[in-house]
Amino acid sequence: MKPMPSRQENKPPTQYGNLWRDKQLRDYRKANNLCYQCGEKYEPRHVEVCAKRNKSHVNALVVTDLGRELNEDVLNELAIDEALTENFG
């Protein structure tokens, strides 16, 4: 005769336990004026010093004209750009 499987073996794995725990932690920290990320006391400038908070990054792409061949048209464009920056800058 085959043994009956226990009830825990029949339970599908749940993710909701972690979600529930995370929501409880967030609510506790909110009610006690604590940082959501690290749990320390939250003050207006805390965002700048919080060790666990994701820091924002600035990405920039610089495009130069170094790869272009210098000819009369390119020199004229550069002169126009320079004149505009002097007039409006």
Protein backbone atom coordinates (compact mmCIF):
# COMPACT_ATOMS: atom_id res chain seq x y z
CA MET A 1 0.00 0.00 0.00
CA LYS A 2 1.26 3.45 -0.98
CA PRO A 3 1.77 5.97 1.88
CA MET A 4 -0.32 9.16 1.77
CA PRO A 5 1.71 12.26 0.96
CA SER A 6 1.78 14.89 3.69
CA ARG A 7 -0.18 18.11 3.25
CA GLN A 8 2.97 20.22 2.84
CA GLU A 9 4.10 18.17 -0.15
CA ASN A 10 0.81 18.91 -1.90
CA LYS A 11 1.10 22.68 -1.39
CA PRO A 12 2.31 24.57 -4.43
CA PRO A 13 5.17 27.01 -3.73
CA THR A 14 3.84 30.51 -3.12
CA GLN A 15 5.43 33.85 -3.73
CA TYR A 16 2.71 35.64 -1.82
CA GLY A 17 4.36 34.96 1.53
CA ASN A 18 7.29 37.18 0.55
CA LEU A 19 5.02 39.85 -0.89
CA TRP A 20 2.93 39.89 2.28
CA ARG A 21 6.05 40.15 4.44
CA ASP A 22 7.45 42.99 2.29
CA LYS A 23 4.15 44.88 2.52
CA GLN A 24 4.08 44.45 6.30
CA LEU A 25 7.65 45.74 6.57
CA ARG A 26 6.88 48.74 4.35
CA ASP A 27 3.75 49.59 6.36
CA TYR A 28 5.67 49.30 9.65
CA ARG A 29 8.44 51.59 8.40
CA LYS A 30 5.92 54.09 7.05
CA ALA A 31 3.99 54.19 10.34
CA ASN A 32 7.21 54.74 12.33
CA ASN A 33 8.75 57.33 9.95
CA LEU A 34 11.60 55.04 8.94
CA CYS A 35 13.38 54.80 5.60
CA TYR A 36 11.77 52.16 3.35
CA GLN A 37 15.19 51.01 2.13
CA CYS A 38 17.39 50.77 5.24
CA GLY A 39 15.03 51.13 8.21
CA GLU A 40 16.85 54.11 9.77
CA LYS A 41 14.98 57.22 10.92
CA TYR A 42 13.86 59.16 7.86
CA GLU A 43 14.72 62.85 7.69
CA PRO A 44 14.53 65.24 4.72
CA ARG A 45 18.21 64.81 3.73
CA HIS A 46 18.31 61.05 4.44
CA VAL A 47 17.99 60.23 0.72
CA GLU A 48 21.51 61.60 0.14
CA VAL A 49 23.15 59.41 2.81
CA CYS A 50 21.07 56.21 2.68
CA ALA A 51 23.45 53.32 2.05
CA LYS A 52 20.85 50.92 0.61
CA ARG A 53 19.06 53.36 -1.69
CA ASN A 54 19.81 53.03 -5.39
CA LYS A 55 21.86 55.97 -6.55
CA SER A 56 20.77 57.66 -9.75
CA HIS A 57 23.22 57.75 -12.62
CA VAL A 58 23.56 60.22 -15.43
CA ASN A 59 24.52 58.79 -18.77
CA ALA A 60 25.70 61.04 -21.57
CA LEU A 61 26.74 60.48 -25.13
CA VAL A 62 29.17 62.98 -26.62
CA VAL A 63 29.21 63.28 -30.36
CA THR A 64 32.14 65.05 -31.97
CA ASP A 65 33.06 66.00 -35.48
CA LEU A 66 36.55 64.48 -35.21
CA GLY A 67 35.72 61.71 -37.65
CA ARG A 68 34.65 64.10 -40.40
CA GLU A 69 36.98 65.19 -43.16
CA LEU A 70 37.76 68.89 -43.03
CA ASN A 71 36.57 70.65 -46.15
CA GLU A 72 35.09 74.02 -46.97
CA ASP A 73 31.52 73.02 -45.97
CA VAL A 74 32.58 71.72 -42.56
CA LEU A 75 34.64 74.85 -41.85
CA ASN A 76 31.63 77.02 -42.79
CA GLU A 77 29.36 75.01 -40.45
CA LEU A 78 31.87 75.40 -37.61
CA ALA A 79 32.11 79.15 -38.21
CA ILE A 80 28.31 79.48 -38.18
CA ASP A 81 28.04 77.43 -34.96
CA GLU A 82 30.72 79.56 -33.32
CA ALA A 83 29.03 82.79 -34.37
CA LEU A 84 25.67 81.59 -33.04
CA THR A 85 27.12 80.64 -29.65
CA GLU A 86 28.82 84.04 -29.38
CA ASN A 87 25.60 85.90 -30.25
CA PHE A 88 23.25 83.89 -28.03
CA GLY A 89 25.62 82.59 -25.35
